[in-house]
Amino acid sequence: MTLKSTAQKNARKGFIQTFELLLLLPIVVLLLLAFVEYLYLAYAETLVSLAAREGARTAAMGGNEGDVKGAVLAVLGPNWMASIESEVDLLYPNGDPSVTGDPVQVTVNLLASTVAPNFLAPLGFDLNSVKVTSKTTMVLE
């Protein structure tokens, strides 16, 4: 009689563990997807910041708007710049791009859904309206 009750307890324990796994597995998968999406966004933010710095450096050395966009494109790559929402803005706050010592500002905007997989969109965390933006100011040389 004790052997049968031990076997029943082990079977019940196995059922409970399987049920717990079925309850926790979607939560673990969701957390994993959120972590992967966060890593993509962190990488994109770093890359957009680097692209803005390169664009500002090119503008500070006397480059025109085409040169600045070329420098940004070289950092980001053609796949990310092909996005409809990607923008590169070149601004001379004092108005004259030829005066040494004046600031030059480069802003790079990139739609987050072009760089991240948007795994969490069905849950309401949609990246289609989020932009990854970086603004860099340097002094004209």
N, C-alpha and C. Protein backbone atom coordinates (compact mmCIF):
# COMPACT_ATOMS: atom_id res chain seq x y z
N MET A 1 0.81 -1.19 0.00
CA MET A 1 0.00 0.00 0.00
C MET A 1 0.86 1.26 0.00
N THR A 2 1.97 1.24 0.64
CA THR A 2 2.82 2.42 0.65
C THR A 2 3.48 2.66 -0.70
N LEU A 3 3.76 1.59 -1.44
CA LEU A 3 4.35 1.77 -2.77
C LEU A 3 3.38 2.48 -3.70
N LYS A 4 2.12 2.11 -3.63
CA LYS A 4 1.13 2.73 -4.51
C LYS A 4 0.93 4.20 -4.16
N SER A 5 0.89 4.54 -2.92
CA SER A 5 0.69 5.92 -2.52
C SER A 5 1.92 6.77 -2.87
N THR A 6 3.12 6.19 -2.79
CA THR A 6 4.32 6.92 -3.20
C THR A 6 4.30 7.18 -4.70
N ALA A 7 3.88 6.22 -5.47
CA ALA A 7 3.79 6.39 -6.92
C ALA A 7 2.76 7.46 -7.28
N GLN A 8 1.65 7.47 -6.55
CA GLN A 8 0.63 8.49 -6.81
C GLN A 8 1.16 9.89 -6.45
N LYS A 9 1.90 9.99 -5.36
CA LYS A 9 2.47 11.28 -4.97
C LYS A 9 3.47 11.77 -6.02
N ASN A 10 4.30 10.87 -6.54
CA ASN A 10 5.27 11.26 -7.56
C ASN A 10 4.58 11.68 -8.85
N ALA A 11 3.50 10.99 -9.22
CA ALA A 11 2.76 11.36 -10.42
C ALA A 11 2.11 12.73 -10.25
N ARG A 12 1.56 12.96 -9.07
CA ARG A 12 0.93 14.25 -8.80
C ARG A 12 1.98 15.38 -8.81
N LYS A 13 3.16 15.09 -8.24
CA LYS A 13 4.23 16.08 -8.21
C LYS A 13 4.68 16.42 -9.63
N GLY A 14 4.79 15.42 -10.49
CA GLY A 14 5.17 15.65 -11.88
C GLY A 14 4.13 16.48 -12.61
N PHE A 15 2.85 16.23 -12.34
CA PHE A 15 1.79 17.01 -12.96
C PHE A 15 1.84 18.47 -12.52
N ILE A 16 2.08 18.69 -11.25
CA ILE A 16 2.15 20.05 -10.72
C ILE A 16 3.34 20.81 -11.31
N GLN A 17 4.47 20.15 -11.43
CA GLN A 17 5.64 20.80 -12.00
C GLN A 17 5.41 21.14 -13.48
N THR A 18 4.77 20.27 -14.21
CA THR A 18 4.46 20.54 -15.61
C THR A 18 3.49 21.71 -15.73
N PHE A 19 2.51 21.76 -14.87
CA PHE A 19 1.54 22.86 -14.89
C PHE A 19 2.21 24.19 -14.55
N GLU A 20 3.12 24.18 -13.57
CA GLU A 20 3.86 25.39 -13.22
C GLU A 20 4.71 25.86 -14.40
N LEU A 21 5.33 24.92 -15.09
CA LEU A 21 6.13 25.27 -16.27
C LEU A 21 5.27 25.89 -17.35
N LEU A 22 4.10 25.34 -17.57
CA LEU A 22 3.20 25.89 -18.58
C LEU A 22 2.73 27.30 -18.22
N LEU A 23 2.60 27.59 -16.94
CA LEU A 23 2.20 28.93 -16.52
C LEU A 23 3.35 29.93 -16.63
N LEU A 24 4.56 29.50 -16.33
CA LEU A 24 5.69 30.42 -16.31
C LEU A 24 6.38 30.59 -17.67
N LEU A 25 6.25 29.63 -18.55
CA LEU A 25 6.94 29.68 -19.83
C LEU A 25 6.59 30.92 -20.67
N PRO A 26 5.33 31.32 -20.80
CA PRO A 26 5.05 32.54 -21.57
C PRO A 26 5.67 33.79 -20.96
N ILE A 27 5.73 33.85 -19.65
CA ILE A 27 6.33 35.00 -18.99
C ILE A 27 7.83 35.04 -19.25
N VAL A 28 8.48 33.90 -19.18
CA VAL A 28 9.91 33.83 -19.44
C VAL A 28 10.21 34.19 -20.89
N VAL A 29 9.42 33.70 -21.83
CA VAL A 29 9.62 34.02 -23.25
C VAL A 29 9.39 35.52 -23.48
N LEU A 30 8.38 36.09 -22.86
CA LEU A 30 8.11 37.52 -22.99
C LEU A 30 9.27 38.36 -22.46
N LEU A 31 9.82 37.99 -21.32
CA LEU A 31 10.97 38.70 -20.77
C LEU A 31 12.19 38.57 -21.68
N LEU A 32 12.38 37.41 -22.27
CA LEU A 32 13.49 37.20 -23.19
C LEU A 32 13.34 38.08 -24.44
N LEU A 33 12.14 38.14 -24.99
CA LEU A 33 11.89 38.99 -26.16
C LEU A 33 12.08 40.46 -25.83
N ALA A 34 11.64 40.87 -24.65
CA ALA A 34 11.82 42.27 -24.23
C ALA A 34 13.30 42.59 -24.09
N PHE A 35 14.07 41.67 -23.56
CA PHE A 35 15.50 41.88 -23.40
C PHE A 35 16.19 41.99 -24.75
N VAL A 36 15.82 41.14 -25.69
CA VAL A 36 16.41 41.19 -27.04
C VAL A 36 16.06 42.52 -27.72
N GLU A 37 14.82 42.95 -27.59
CA GLU A 37 14.41 44.23 -28.18
C GLU A 37 15.17 45.39 -27.55
N TYR A 38 15.37 45.34 -26.25
CA TYR A 38 16.14 46.38 -25.55
C TYR A 38 17.58 46.42 -26.07
N LEU A 39 18.18 45.26 -26.29
CA LEU A 39 19.55 45.23 -26.80
C LEU A 39 19.64 45.85 -28.19
N TYR A 40 18.66 45.55 -29.05
CA TYR A 40 18.62 46.17 -30.38
C TYR A 40 18.52 47.69 -30.26
N LEU A 41 17.67 48.18 -29.39
CA LEU A 41 17.50 49.62 -29.23
C LEU A 41 18.74 50.28 -28.65
N ALA A 42 19.41 49.62 -27.72
CA ALA A 42 20.64 50.17 -27.15
C ALA A 42 21.73 50.25 -28.23
N TYR A 43 21.81 49.22 -29.05
CA TYR A 43 22.78 49.22 -30.15
C TYR A 43 22.45 50.33 -31.15
N ALA A 44 21.18 50.50 -31.46
CA ALA A 44 20.76 51.54 -32.40
C ALA A 44 21.07 52.93 -31.85
N GLU A 45 20.84 53.14 -30.56
CA GLU A 45 21.13 54.44 -29.96
C GLU A 45 22.62 54.75 -30.02
N THR A 46 23.44 53.76 -29.76
CA THR A 46 24.89 53.95 -29.82
C THR A 46 25.32 54.27 -31.25
N LEU A 47 24.78 53.55 -32.21
CA LEU A 47 25.15 53.76 -33.60
C LEU A 47 24.67 55.11 -34.13
N VAL A 48 23.48 55.53 -33.76
CA VAL A 48 22.96 56.84 -34.19
C VAL A 48 23.79 57.95 -33.56
N SER A 49 24.21 57.78 -32.32
CA SER A 49 25.06 58.77 -31.67
C SER A 49 26.41 58.88 -32.39
N LEU A 50 26.97 57.75 -32.75
CA LEU A 50 28.23 57.74 -33.48
C LEU A 50 28.06 58.39 -34.85
N ALA A 51 26.95 58.13 -35.51
CA ALA A 51 26.70 58.72 -36.82
C ALA A 51 26.56 60.24 -36.72
N ALA A 52 25.89 60.73 -35.69
CA ALA A 52 25.75 62.17 -35.51
C ALA A 52 27.11 62.81 -35.24
N ARG A 53 27.95 62.13 -34.45
CA ARG A 53 29.28 62.65 -34.19
C ARG A 53 30.12 62.72 -35.46
N GLU A 54 30.05 61.67 -36.28
CA GLU A 54 30.80 61.67 -37.54
C GLU A 54 30.29 62.76 -38.47
N GLY A 55 28.98 62.94 -38.53
CA GLY A 55 28.41 64.00 -39.36
C GLY A 55 28.84 65.38 -38.89
N ALA A 56 28.83 65.59 -37.59
CA ALA A 56 29.25 66.88 -37.04
C ALA A 56 30.73 67.12 -37.27
N ARG A 57 31.52 66.07 -37.16
CA ARG A 57 32.95 66.20 -37.41
C ARG A 57 33.20 66.58 -38.87
N THR A 58 32.46 65.96 -39.79
CA THR A 58 32.60 66.28 -41.21
C THR A 58 32.18 67.72 -41.47
N ALA A 59 31.07 68.15 -40.86
CA ALA A 59 30.61 69.53 -41.04
C ALA A 59 31.59 70.52 -40.43
N ALA A 60 32.18 70.17 -39.28
CA ALA A 60 33.12 71.07 -38.62
C ALA A 60 34.40 71.24 -39.43
N MET A 61 34.73 70.25 -40.23
CA MET A 61 35.93 70.33 -41.06
C MET A 61 35.64 71.01 -42.40
N GLY A 62 34.42 71.51 -42.59
CA GLY A 62 34.10 72.27 -43.79
C GLY A 62 33.28 71.52 -44.81
N GLY A 63 32.75 70.37 -44.44
CA GLY A 63 31.95 69.59 -45.38
C GLY A 63 30.57 70.21 -45.59
N ASN A 64 30.00 69.98 -46.77
CA ASN A 64 28.65 70.48 -47.05
C ASN A 64 27.62 69.44 -46.62
N GLU A 65 26.36 69.70 -46.91
CA GLU A 65 25.29 68.80 -46.46
C GLU A 65 25.42 67.41 -47.07
N GLY A 66 25.84 67.33 -48.32
CA GLY A 66 26.04 66.03 -48.97
C GLY A 66 27.15 65.23 -48.31
N ASP A 67 28.23 65.92 -47.93
CA ASP A 67 29.33 65.25 -47.23
C ASP A 67 28.89 64.73 -45.87
N VAL A 68 28.08 65.54 -45.18
CA VAL A 68 27.59 65.14 -43.86
C VAL A 68 26.70 63.91 -43.99
N LYS A 69 25.78 63.92 -44.96
CA LYS A 69 24.91 62.75 -45.16
C LYS A 69 25.73 61.53 -45.56
N GLY A 70 26.77 61.73 -46.33
CA GLY A 70 27.65 60.62 -46.69
C GLY A 70 28.36 60.03 -45.49
N ALA A 71 28.82 60.90 -44.57
CA ALA A 71 29.48 60.42 -43.35
C ALA A 71 28.51 59.65 -42.47
N VAL A 72 27.29 60.16 -42.36
CA VAL A 72 26.27 59.48 -41.56
C VAL A 72 25.92 58.14 -42.19
N LEU A 73 25.80 58.11 -43.51
CA LEU A 73 25.49 56.88 -44.23
C LEU A 73 26.59 55.85 -44.07
N ALA A 74 27.84 56.31 -44.04
CA ALA A 74 28.95 55.39 -43.87
C ALA A 74 28.91 54.71 -42.51
N VAL A 75 28.43 55.41 -41.49
CA VAL A 75 28.35 54.81 -40.15
C VAL A 75 27.12 53.92 -40.04
N LEU A 76 25.97 54.42 -40.47
CA LEU A 76 24.72 53.67 -40.31
C LEU A 76 24.59 52.51 -41.29
N GLY A 77 25.07 52.70 -42.48
CA GLY A 77 24.90 51.68 -43.50
C GLY A 77 23.65 51.96 -44.31
N PRO A 78 23.58 51.44 -45.51
CA PRO A 78 22.47 51.77 -46.42
C PRO A 78 21.13 51.22 -45.97
N ASN A 79 21.09 50.13 -45.21
CA ASN A 79 19.81 49.55 -44.81
C ASN A 79 19.06 50.45 -43.85
N TRP A 80 19.75 51.06 -42.93
CA TRP A 80 19.08 51.90 -41.94
C TRP A 80 18.74 53.26 -42.50
N MET A 81 19.57 53.78 -43.39
CA MET A 81 19.28 55.09 -43.97
C MET A 81 18.18 55.00 -45.02
N ALA A 82 17.89 53.81 -45.50
CA ALA A 82 16.84 53.66 -46.51
C ALA A 82 15.45 53.84 -45.90
N SER A 83 15.38 53.90 -44.59
CA SER A 83 14.10 54.09 -43.92
C SER A 83 13.47 55.42 -44.32
N ILE A 84 12.18 55.42 -44.51
CA ILE A 84 11.46 56.63 -44.90
C ILE A 84 11.58 57.70 -43.83
N GLU A 85 11.63 57.31 -42.58
CA GLU A 85 11.62 58.26 -41.48
C GLU A 85 13.00 58.73 -41.04
N SER A 86 14.07 58.25 -41.68
CA SER A 86 15.39 58.66 -41.25
C SER A 86 15.70 60.05 -41.78
N GLU A 87 16.31 60.87 -40.93
CA GLU A 87 16.59 62.26 -41.27
C GLU A 87 17.99 62.62 -40.78
N VAL A 88 18.65 63.47 -41.56
CA VAL A 88 19.91 64.06 -41.15
C VAL A 88 19.74 65.56 -41.33
N ASP A 89 19.83 66.32 -40.24
CA ASP A 89 19.67 67.77 -40.29
C ASP A 89 20.99 68.45 -39.94
N LEU A 90 21.38 69.41 -40.76
CA LEU A 90 22.59 70.19 -40.54
C LEU A 90 22.17 71.62 -40.23
N LEU A 91 22.65 72.15 -39.10
CA LEU A 91 22.22 73.48 -38.66
C LEU A 91 23.43 74.31 -38.25
N TYR A 92 23.48 75.51 -38.77
CA TYR A 92 24.48 76.49 -38.34
C TYR A 92 23.74 77.54 -37.50
N PRO A 93 23.80 77.46 -36.17
CA PRO A 93 23.02 78.36 -35.32
C PRO A 93 23.29 79.85 -35.58
N ASN A 94 24.51 80.19 -35.95
CA ASN A 94 24.83 81.60 -36.21
C ASN A 94 24.61 81.97 -37.67
N GLY A 95 24.21 81.02 -38.51
CA GLY A 95 23.84 81.31 -39.88
C GLY A 95 24.94 81.23 -40.90
N ASP A 96 26.19 81.39 -40.52
CA ASP A 96 27.28 81.43 -41.50
C ASP A 96 28.17 80.21 -41.33
N PRO A 97 28.25 79.34 -42.36
CA PRO A 97 29.06 78.14 -42.23
C PRO A 97 30.56 78.37 -42.45
N SER A 98 30.97 79.60 -42.70
CA SER A 98 32.38 79.83 -43.02
C SER A 98 33.17 80.48 -41.88
N VAL A 99 32.52 80.82 -40.78
CA VAL A 99 33.21 81.51 -39.68
C VAL A 99 33.78 80.47 -38.71
N THR A 100 35.11 80.47 -38.59
CA THR A 100 35.77 79.54 -37.67
C THR A 100 35.39 79.87 -36.23
N GLY A 101 35.11 78.83 -35.47
CA GLY A 101 34.73 79.01 -34.07
C GLY A 101 33.24 79.00 -33.83
N ASP A 102 32.45 79.10 -34.88
CA ASP A 102 31.00 79.03 -34.73
C ASP A 102 30.57 77.56 -34.59
N PRO A 103 29.45 77.33 -33.93
CA PRO A 103 28.99 75.95 -33.77
C PRO A 103 28.29 75.43 -35.02
N VAL A 104 28.35 74.13 -35.19
CA VAL A 104 27.59 73.43 -36.22
C VAL A 104 26.90 72.27 -35.51
N GLN A 105 25.65 72.04 -35.85
CA GLN A 105 24.86 71.03 -35.16
C GLN A 105 24.31 70.03 -36.17
N VAL A 106 24.50 68.74 -35.88
CA VAL A 106 23.98 67.68 -36.73
C VAL A 106 23.04 66.82 -35.90
N THR A 107 21.83 66.61 -36.43
CA THR A 107 20.83 65.78 -35.77
C THR A 107 20.50 64.60 -36.68
N VAL A 108 20.53 63.41 -36.12
CA VAL A 108 20.18 62.19 -36.86
C VAL A 108 18.97 61.56 -36.18
N ASN A 109 17.90 61.36 -36.96
CA ASN A 109 16.68 60.70 -36.47
C ASN A 109 16.50 59.41 -37.25
N LEU A 110 16.12 58.37 -36.54
CA LEU A 110 15.90 57.08 -37.17
C LEU A 110 14.70 56.43 -36.50
N LEU A 111 13.81 55.90 -37.27
CA LEU A 111 12.63 55.23 -36.73
C LEU A 111 13.06 53.95 -36.02
N ALA A 112 12.62 53.77 -34.79
CA ALA A 112 13.06 52.63 -33.98
C ALA A 112 12.63 51.30 -34.56
N SER A 113 11.51 51.26 -35.24
CA SER A 113 11.04 49.98 -35.78
C SER A 113 11.88 49.49 -36.95
N THR A 114 12.75 50.35 -37.51
CA THR A 114 13.64 49.89 -38.57
C THR A 114 14.86 49.18 -38.03
N VAL A 115 15.17 49.40 -36.76
CA VAL A 115 16.37 48.80 -36.17
C VAL A 115 16.06 47.73 -35.14
N ALA A 116 14.87 47.71 -34.62
CA ALA A 116 14.48 46.73 -33.61
C ALA A 116 13.36 45.86 -34.16
N PRO A 117 13.28 44.62 -33.73
CA PRO A 117 12.30 43.69 -34.32
C PRO A 117 10.85 43.94 -33.94
N ASN A 118 10.56 44.79 -32.96
CA ASN A 118 9.19 45.13 -32.57
C ASN A 118 8.39 43.90 -32.13
N PHE A 119 9.01 43.08 -31.29
CA PHE A 119 8.38 41.86 -30.79
C PHE A 119 7.16 42.14 -29.91
N LEU A 120 7.18 43.25 -29.19
CA LEU A 120 6.17 43.50 -28.18
C LEU A 120 4.99 44.32 -28.70
N ALA A 121 4.90 44.52 -30.00
CA ALA A 121 3.80 45.30 -30.58
C ALA A 121 2.42 44.72 -30.24
N PRO A 122 2.23 43.41 -30.25
CA PRO A 122 0.90 42.88 -29.90
C PRO A 122 0.49 43.18 -28.45
N LEU A 123 1.45 43.51 -27.61
CA LEU A 123 1.15 43.80 -26.21
C LEU A 123 1.00 45.29 -25.93
N GLY A 124 1.11 46.12 -26.98
CA GLY A 124 0.94 47.55 -26.80
C GLY A 124 2.23 48.35 -26.74
N PHE A 125 3.37 47.70 -26.82
CA PHE A 125 4.65 48.40 -26.82
C PHE A 125 5.15 48.50 -28.25
N ASP A 126 4.51 49.36 -29.02
CA ASP A 126 4.79 49.47 -30.45
C ASP A 126 5.89 50.49 -30.70
N LEU A 127 6.85 50.15 -31.53
CA LEU A 127 7.98 51.03 -31.82
C LEU A 127 7.78 51.86 -33.08
N ASN A 128 6.63 51.76 -33.74
CA ASN A 128 6.42 52.48 -34.99
C ASN A 128 6.39 53.99 -34.83
N SER A 129 6.10 54.48 -33.65
CA SER A 129 6.06 55.93 -33.43
C SER A 129 7.26 56.44 -32.64
N VAL A 130 8.20 55.57 -32.33
CA VAL A 130 9.36 55.95 -31.53
C VAL A 130 10.55 56.21 -32.45
N LYS A 131 11.24 57.32 -32.21
CA LYS A 131 12.43 57.64 -32.99
C LYS A 131 13.67 57.57 -32.10
N VAL A 132 14.74 57.06 -32.67
CA VAL A 132 16.04 57.10 -32.02
C VAL A 132 16.73 58.35 -32.56
N THR A 133 17.05 59.28 -31.67
CA THR A 133 17.57 60.59 -32.08
C THR A 133 18.88 60.90 -31.36
N SER A 134 19.78 61.51 -32.10
CA SER A 134 21.02 62.00 -31.50
C SER A 134 21.36 63.35 -32.11
N LYS A 135 21.77 64.27 -31.28
CA LYS A 135 22.13 65.62 -31.71
C LYS A 135 23.54 65.91 -31.21
N THR A 136 24.42 66.33 -32.12
CA THR A 136 25.79 66.63 -31.76
C THR A 136 26.16 68.02 -32.26
N THR A 137 26.83 68.79 -31.42
CA THR A 137 27.30 70.13 -31.77
C THR A 137 28.82 70.16 -31.68
N MET A 138 29.46 70.68 -32.72
CA MET A 138 30.91 70.86 -32.73
C MET A 138 31.22 72.26 -33.22
N VAL A 139 32.47 72.65 -33.07
CA VAL A 139 32.92 73.98 -33.46
C VAL A 139 33.57 73.90 -34.84
N LEU A 140 33.21 74.84 -35.72
CA LEU A 140 33.81 74.90 -37.06
C LEU A 140 35.30 75.18 -36.96
N GLU A 141 36.04 74.46 -37.77
CA GLU A 141 37.51 74.68 -37.79
C GLU A 141 37.93 75.36 -39.05
